[in-house]
Amino acid sequence: MIKKSADGSTKSAWGTPIDELTYKFDWFEHEKFEDVPPSALPNKAEQLKWVNDKAKSAARQKTQDEALVAAGHVKPTLQNNEEKRVRQIAAALVAGGWSEEDALAHARSMQRPQ
């Protein structure tokens, strides 16, 4: 097994807004499926529920997307939505160490004039 670590944050405590709280957490991941103990695997009923929930979710999303398009809504993409482009650029800058505020300001300044 491999020990993994990540950072987390929350701005609510069981539904109540709070100042942002950050934390680190660790867990262990199996490297190969064969190493997972049978007791850790879902039973047949849980597997069936997962398959059915996945099918329901996919059907709902497909139908919702079709209904939105039929109603004249356009799905935002990097090509047709300036705010999506700004957020994408800012996310890359934040990943490179920029503050979110500076990254957003810089990304907005980079947009092509109309």
N, C-alpha and C. Protein backbone atom coordinates (compact mmCIF):
# COMPACT_ATOMS: atom_id res chain seq x y z
N MET A 1 0.84 -1.18 0.00
CA MET A 1 0.00 0.00 0.00
C MET A 1 0.88 1.24 0.00
N ILE A 2 0.31 2.30 -0.54
CA ILE A 2 1.03 3.56 -0.63
C ILE A 2 0.32 4.59 0.24
N LYS A 3 1.11 5.28 1.07
CA LYS A 3 0.53 6.34 1.90
C LYS A 3 0.41 7.60 1.05
N LYS A 4 -0.78 8.19 1.04
CA LYS A 4 -1.05 9.42 0.30
C LYS A 4 -1.42 10.52 1.29
N SER A 5 -1.18 11.75 0.89
CA SER A 5 -1.54 12.91 1.72
C SER A 5 -2.17 13.96 0.84
N ALA A 6 -3.02 14.76 1.42
CA ALA A 6 -3.65 15.86 0.70
C ALA A 6 -4.02 16.95 1.69
N ASP A 7 -4.31 18.12 1.14
CA ASP A 7 -4.79 19.24 1.93
C ASP A 7 -6.28 19.39 1.69
N GLY A 8 -6.99 19.83 2.69
CA GLY A 8 -8.41 20.09 2.55
C GLY A 8 -8.76 21.40 3.22
N SER A 9 -9.94 21.89 2.92
CA SER A 9 -10.43 23.09 3.56
C SER A 9 -11.94 23.07 3.58
N THR A 10 -12.52 23.80 4.50
CA THR A 10 -13.96 23.92 4.58
C THR A 10 -14.32 25.32 5.07
N LYS A 11 -15.47 25.77 4.60
CA LYS A 11 -16.00 27.06 5.05
C LYS A 11 -17.33 26.87 5.77
N SER A 12 -17.60 25.61 6.16
CA SER A 12 -18.81 25.36 6.94
C SER A 12 -18.55 24.25 7.93
N ALA A 13 -19.24 24.32 9.05
CA ALA A 13 -19.16 23.28 10.07
C ALA A 13 -20.55 22.67 10.18
N TRP A 14 -20.74 21.55 9.51
CA TRP A 14 -22.02 20.86 9.53
C TRP A 14 -23.17 21.79 9.14
N GLY A 15 -22.92 22.56 8.04
CA GLY A 15 -23.96 23.43 7.51
C GLY A 15 -23.93 24.85 8.02
N THR A 16 -23.11 25.14 9.01
CA THR A 16 -23.01 26.50 9.55
C THR A 16 -21.77 27.17 8.98
N PRO A 17 -21.90 28.35 8.35
CA PRO A 17 -20.73 29.03 7.79
C PRO A 17 -19.70 29.37 8.88
N ILE A 18 -18.42 29.18 8.54
CA ILE A 18 -17.32 29.52 9.44
C ILE A 18 -16.22 30.15 8.61
N ASP A 19 -15.22 30.76 9.28
CA ASP A 19 -14.02 31.18 8.57
C ASP A 19 -13.35 29.93 8.03
N GLU A 20 -12.65 30.08 6.91
CA GLU A 20 -12.05 28.91 6.28
C GLU A 20 -11.12 28.17 7.24
N LEU A 21 -11.29 26.86 7.31
CA LEU A 21 -10.47 25.98 8.13
C LEU A 21 -9.70 25.07 7.18
N THR A 22 -8.38 25.01 7.31
CA THR A 22 -7.58 24.14 6.45
C THR A 22 -7.01 23.00 7.29
N TYR A 23 -6.75 21.89 6.64
CA TYR A 23 -6.23 20.71 7.33
C TYR A 23 -5.52 19.81 6.34
N LYS A 24 -4.71 18.90 6.87
CA LYS A 24 -4.03 17.87 6.07
C LYS A 24 -4.60 16.52 6.49
N PHE A 25 -4.68 15.58 5.53
CA PHE A 25 -5.14 14.24 5.88
C PHE A 25 -4.34 13.21 5.09
N ASP A 26 -4.26 12.01 5.65
CA ASP A 26 -3.51 10.90 5.07
C ASP A 26 -4.44 9.70 4.90
N TRP A 27 -4.14 8.86 3.91
CA TRP A 27 -4.84 7.60 3.73
C TRP A 27 -3.90 6.65 2.99
N PHE A 28 -4.27 5.40 2.94
CA PHE A 28 -3.47 4.40 2.26
C PHE A 28 -4.23 3.88 1.05
N GLU A 29 -3.55 3.76 -0.09
CA GLU A 29 -4.15 3.23 -1.30
C GLU A 29 -3.47 1.92 -1.68
N HIS A 30 -4.29 0.99 -2.15
CA HIS A 30 -3.75 -0.28 -2.65
C HIS A 30 -3.15 -0.04 -4.03
N GLU A 31 -2.05 -0.72 -4.32
CA GLU A 31 -1.41 -0.57 -5.62
C GLU A 31 -2.03 -1.47 -6.67
N LYS A 32 -2.53 -2.62 -6.25
CA LYS A 32 -3.12 -3.58 -7.18
C LYS A 32 -4.47 -4.04 -6.64
N PHE A 33 -5.40 -4.25 -7.55
CA PHE A 33 -6.73 -4.71 -7.14
C PHE A 33 -6.66 -6.01 -6.35
N GLU A 34 -5.74 -6.87 -6.73
CA GLU A 34 -5.61 -8.17 -6.07
C GLU A 34 -5.28 -8.04 -4.58
N ASP A 35 -4.73 -6.90 -4.18
CA ASP A 35 -4.36 -6.68 -2.79
C ASP A 35 -5.52 -6.21 -1.91
N VAL A 36 -6.64 -5.86 -2.53
CA VAL A 36 -7.79 -5.38 -1.77
C VAL A 36 -8.46 -6.58 -1.10
N PRO A 37 -8.64 -6.53 0.23
CA PRO A 37 -9.28 -7.66 0.89
C PRO A 37 -10.76 -7.76 0.48
N PRO A 38 -11.27 -8.97 0.29
CA PRO A 38 -12.67 -9.13 -0.12
C PRO A 38 -13.66 -8.40 0.78
N SER A 39 -13.34 -8.30 2.06
CA SER A 39 -14.25 -7.61 3.00
C SER A 39 -14.36 -6.11 2.71
N ALA A 40 -13.39 -5.55 1.97
CA ALA A 40 -13.42 -4.13 1.64
C ALA A 40 -14.19 -3.83 0.37
N LEU A 41 -14.55 -4.88 -0.37
CA LEU A 41 -15.25 -4.70 -1.64
C LEU A 41 -16.76 -4.62 -1.41
N PRO A 42 -17.45 -3.89 -2.29
CA PRO A 42 -18.91 -3.80 -2.15
C PRO A 42 -19.58 -5.14 -2.43
N ASN A 43 -20.68 -5.40 -1.72
CA ASN A 43 -21.41 -6.64 -1.97
C ASN A 43 -22.24 -6.51 -3.24
N LYS A 44 -22.92 -7.58 -3.65
CA LYS A 44 -23.68 -7.58 -4.91
C LYS A 44 -24.74 -6.48 -4.93
N ALA A 45 -25.45 -6.27 -3.83
CA ALA A 45 -26.49 -5.24 -3.77
C ALA A 45 -25.89 -3.85 -3.94
N GLU A 46 -24.73 -3.60 -3.33
CA GLU A 46 -24.06 -2.30 -3.47
C GLU A 46 -23.56 -2.10 -4.90
N GLN A 47 -23.07 -3.17 -5.52
CA GLN A 47 -22.62 -3.09 -6.91
C GLN A 47 -23.79 -2.79 -7.84
N LEU A 48 -24.92 -3.46 -7.62
CA LEU A 48 -26.11 -3.24 -8.43
C LEU A 48 -26.61 -1.80 -8.27
N LYS A 49 -26.63 -1.31 -7.04
CA LYS A 49 -27.05 0.07 -6.79
C LYS A 49 -26.12 1.05 -7.51
N TRP A 50 -24.82 0.81 -7.48
CA TRP A 50 -23.85 1.68 -8.16
C TRP A 50 -24.11 1.71 -9.66
N VAL A 51 -24.31 0.53 -10.26
CA VAL A 51 -24.57 0.45 -11.70
C VAL A 51 -25.85 1.20 -12.05
N ASN A 52 -26.91 0.97 -11.28
CA ASN A 52 -28.18 1.62 -11.55
C ASN A 52 -28.12 3.13 -11.31
N ASP A 53 -27.44 3.55 -10.26
CA ASP A 53 -27.29 4.99 -10.00
C ASP A 53 -26.50 5.67 -11.11
N LYS A 54 -25.49 4.99 -11.62
CA LYS A 54 -24.67 5.53 -12.71
C LYS A 54 -25.52 5.69 -13.97
N ALA A 55 -26.35 4.69 -14.28
CA ALA A 55 -27.22 4.76 -15.46
C ALA A 55 -28.25 5.88 -15.31
N LYS A 56 -28.84 6.01 -14.12
CA LYS A 56 -29.83 7.06 -13.86
C LYS A 56 -29.19 8.43 -14.01
N SER A 57 -28.01 8.60 -13.43
CA SER A 57 -27.32 9.89 -13.48
C SER A 57 -26.96 10.27 -14.92
N ALA A 58 -26.49 9.31 -15.70
CA ALA A 58 -26.13 9.59 -17.09
C ALA A 58 -27.37 9.96 -17.90
N ALA A 59 -28.48 9.25 -17.69
CA ALA A 59 -29.72 9.55 -18.42
C ALA A 59 -30.26 10.92 -18.03
N ARG A 60 -30.22 11.24 -16.74
CA ARG A 60 -30.69 12.54 -16.27
C ARG A 60 -29.86 13.66 -16.89
N GLN A 61 -28.54 13.52 -16.87
CA GLN A 61 -27.66 14.55 -17.40
C GLN A 61 -27.86 14.74 -18.89
N LYS A 62 -27.97 13.63 -19.64
CA LYS A 62 -28.18 13.71 -21.08
C LYS A 62 -29.50 14.43 -21.40
N THR A 63 -30.56 14.05 -20.71
CA THR A 63 -31.87 14.65 -20.95
C THR A 63 -31.88 16.12 -20.54
N GLN A 64 -31.23 16.44 -19.43
CA GLN A 64 -31.15 17.84 -18.99
C GLN A 64 -30.40 18.67 -20.02
N ASP A 65 -29.27 18.17 -20.52
CA ASP A 65 -28.51 18.89 -21.53
C ASP A 65 -29.34 19.13 -22.78
N GLU A 66 -30.07 18.10 -23.23
CA GLU A 66 -30.93 18.24 -24.40
C GLU A 66 -32.03 19.27 -24.17
N ALA A 67 -32.64 19.26 -22.98
CA ALA A 67 -33.71 20.21 -22.66
C ALA A 67 -33.17 21.64 -22.61
N LEU A 68 -31.96 21.82 -22.07
CA LEU A 68 -31.36 23.15 -22.01
C LEU A 68 -31.07 23.68 -23.42
N VAL A 69 -30.53 22.82 -24.29
CA VAL A 69 -30.25 23.22 -25.67
C VAL A 69 -31.56 23.56 -26.39
N ALA A 70 -32.59 22.72 -26.20
CA ALA A 70 -33.89 22.96 -26.84
C ALA A 70 -34.52 24.26 -26.37
N ALA A 71 -34.21 24.66 -25.13
CA ALA A 71 -34.75 25.92 -24.59
C ALA A 71 -33.90 27.12 -24.99
N GLY A 72 -32.85 26.88 -25.79
CA GLY A 72 -32.04 27.98 -26.30
C GLY A 72 -30.83 28.34 -25.47
N HIS A 73 -30.50 27.53 -24.47
CA HIS A 73 -29.32 27.80 -23.64
C HIS A 73 -28.08 27.25 -24.32
N VAL A 74 -26.96 27.95 -24.19
CA VAL A 74 -25.71 27.54 -24.80
C VAL A 74 -24.75 27.13 -23.69
N LYS A 75 -24.20 25.93 -23.82
CA LYS A 75 -23.23 25.46 -22.82
C LYS A 75 -21.96 26.29 -22.93
N PRO A 76 -21.51 26.88 -21.80
CA PRO A 76 -20.29 27.69 -21.86
C PRO A 76 -19.06 26.83 -22.15
N THR A 77 -18.24 27.31 -23.08
CA THR A 77 -16.98 26.65 -23.41
C THR A 77 -15.88 27.70 -23.37
N LEU A 78 -14.64 27.27 -23.48
CA LEU A 78 -13.54 28.22 -23.52
C LEU A 78 -13.65 29.13 -24.75
N GLN A 79 -14.27 28.63 -25.81
CA GLN A 79 -14.39 29.41 -27.05
C GLN A 79 -15.50 30.45 -26.99
N ASN A 80 -16.56 30.19 -26.21
CA ASN A 80 -17.69 31.11 -26.25
C ASN A 80 -17.99 31.84 -24.95
N ASN A 81 -17.16 31.67 -23.92
CA ASN A 81 -17.47 32.26 -22.61
C ASN A 81 -16.22 32.88 -22.00
N GLU A 82 -16.22 34.20 -21.93
CA GLU A 82 -15.05 34.90 -21.40
C GLU A 82 -14.76 34.54 -19.95
N GLU A 83 -15.79 34.43 -19.12
CA GLU A 83 -15.57 34.12 -17.70
C GLU A 83 -14.93 32.75 -17.54
N LYS A 84 -15.32 31.79 -18.36
CA LYS A 84 -14.72 30.46 -18.31
C LYS A 84 -13.23 30.53 -18.69
N ARG A 85 -12.93 31.34 -19.72
CA ARG A 85 -11.52 31.52 -20.11
C ARG A 85 -10.72 32.15 -18.99
N VAL A 86 -11.28 33.20 -18.37
CA VAL A 86 -10.59 33.89 -17.27
C VAL A 86 -10.32 32.91 -16.13
N ARG A 87 -11.33 32.12 -15.76
CA ARG A 87 -11.16 31.16 -14.65
C ARG A 87 -10.10 30.10 -14.98
N GLN A 88 -10.07 29.65 -16.24
CA GLN A 88 -9.08 28.64 -16.65
C GLN A 88 -7.66 29.21 -16.57
N ILE A 89 -7.49 30.40 -17.08
CA ILE A 89 -6.17 31.05 -17.04
C ILE A 89 -5.76 31.29 -15.60
N ALA A 90 -6.70 31.80 -14.80
CA ALA A 90 -6.40 32.08 -13.39
C ALA A 90 -6.04 30.80 -12.64
N ALA A 91 -6.73 29.71 -12.92
CA ALA A 91 -6.42 28.44 -12.25
C ALA A 91 -4.99 28.01 -12.53
N ALA A 92 -4.55 28.19 -13.77
CA ALA A 92 -3.17 27.83 -14.12
C ALA A 92 -2.18 28.72 -13.39
N LEU A 93 -2.49 30.00 -13.29
CA LEU A 93 -1.60 30.92 -12.60
C LEU A 93 -1.54 30.62 -11.10
N VAL A 94 -2.69 30.30 -10.50
CA VAL A 94 -2.72 29.94 -9.08
C VAL A 94 -1.90 28.67 -8.85
N ALA A 95 -2.01 27.71 -9.76
CA ALA A 95 -1.21 26.48 -9.65
C ALA A 95 0.28 26.80 -9.72
N GLY A 96 0.62 27.90 -10.40
CA GLY A 96 2.02 28.32 -10.51
C GLY A 96 2.48 29.21 -9.38
N GLY A 97 1.61 29.42 -8.38
CA GLY A 97 2.03 30.17 -7.19
C GLY A 97 1.46 31.58 -7.07
N TRP A 98 0.68 32.03 -8.04
CA TRP A 98 0.08 33.36 -7.95
C TRP A 98 -1.03 33.34 -6.91
N SER A 99 -1.30 34.50 -6.32
CA SER A 99 -2.48 34.60 -5.45
C SER A 99 -3.71 34.59 -6.36
N GLU A 100 -4.84 34.16 -5.83
CA GLU A 100 -6.05 34.09 -6.65
C GLU A 100 -6.45 35.48 -7.15
N GLU A 101 -6.32 36.47 -6.30
CA GLU A 101 -6.68 37.84 -6.68
C GLU A 101 -5.81 38.34 -7.83
N ASP A 102 -4.50 38.16 -7.72
CA ASP A 102 -3.59 38.60 -8.79
C ASP A 102 -3.82 37.80 -10.08
N ALA A 103 -4.06 36.50 -9.92
CA ALA A 103 -4.27 35.65 -11.09
C ALA A 103 -5.53 36.08 -11.85
N LEU A 104 -6.60 36.34 -11.12
CA LEU A 104 -7.84 36.78 -11.78
C LEU A 104 -7.66 38.13 -12.48
N ALA A 105 -6.98 39.05 -11.81
CA ALA A 105 -6.75 40.37 -12.41
C ALA A 105 -5.92 40.23 -13.69
N HIS A 106 -4.87 39.43 -13.63
CA HIS A 106 -4.02 39.25 -14.80
C HIS A 106 -4.78 38.55 -15.93
N ALA A 107 -5.54 37.51 -15.58
CA ALA A 107 -6.31 36.78 -16.60
C ALA A 107 -7.32 37.71 -17.27
N ARG A 108 -7.96 38.57 -16.49
CA ARG A 108 -8.94 39.50 -17.09
C ARG A 108 -8.23 40.49 -18.02
N SER A 109 -7.02 40.89 -17.67
CA SER A 109 -6.29 41.84 -18.51
C SER A 109 -5.84 41.21 -19.82
N MET A 110 -5.80 39.90 -19.88
CA MET A 110 -5.32 39.18 -21.06
C MET A 110 -6.41 38.95 -22.11
N GLN A 111 -7.65 39.21 -21.80
CA GLN A 111 -8.73 38.94 -22.73
C GLN A 111 -8.67 39.88 -23.92
N ARG A 112 -8.95 39.35 -25.07
CA ARG A 112 -8.90 40.10 -26.31
C ARG A 112 -9.99 41.18 -26.31
N PRO A 113 -9.64 42.41 -26.67
CA PRO A 113 -10.68 43.45 -26.71
C PRO A 113 -11.71 43.11 -27.78
N GLN A 114 -12.92 43.57 -27.55
CA GLN A 114 -14.02 43.26 -28.49
C GLN A 114 -14.11 44.26 -29.59
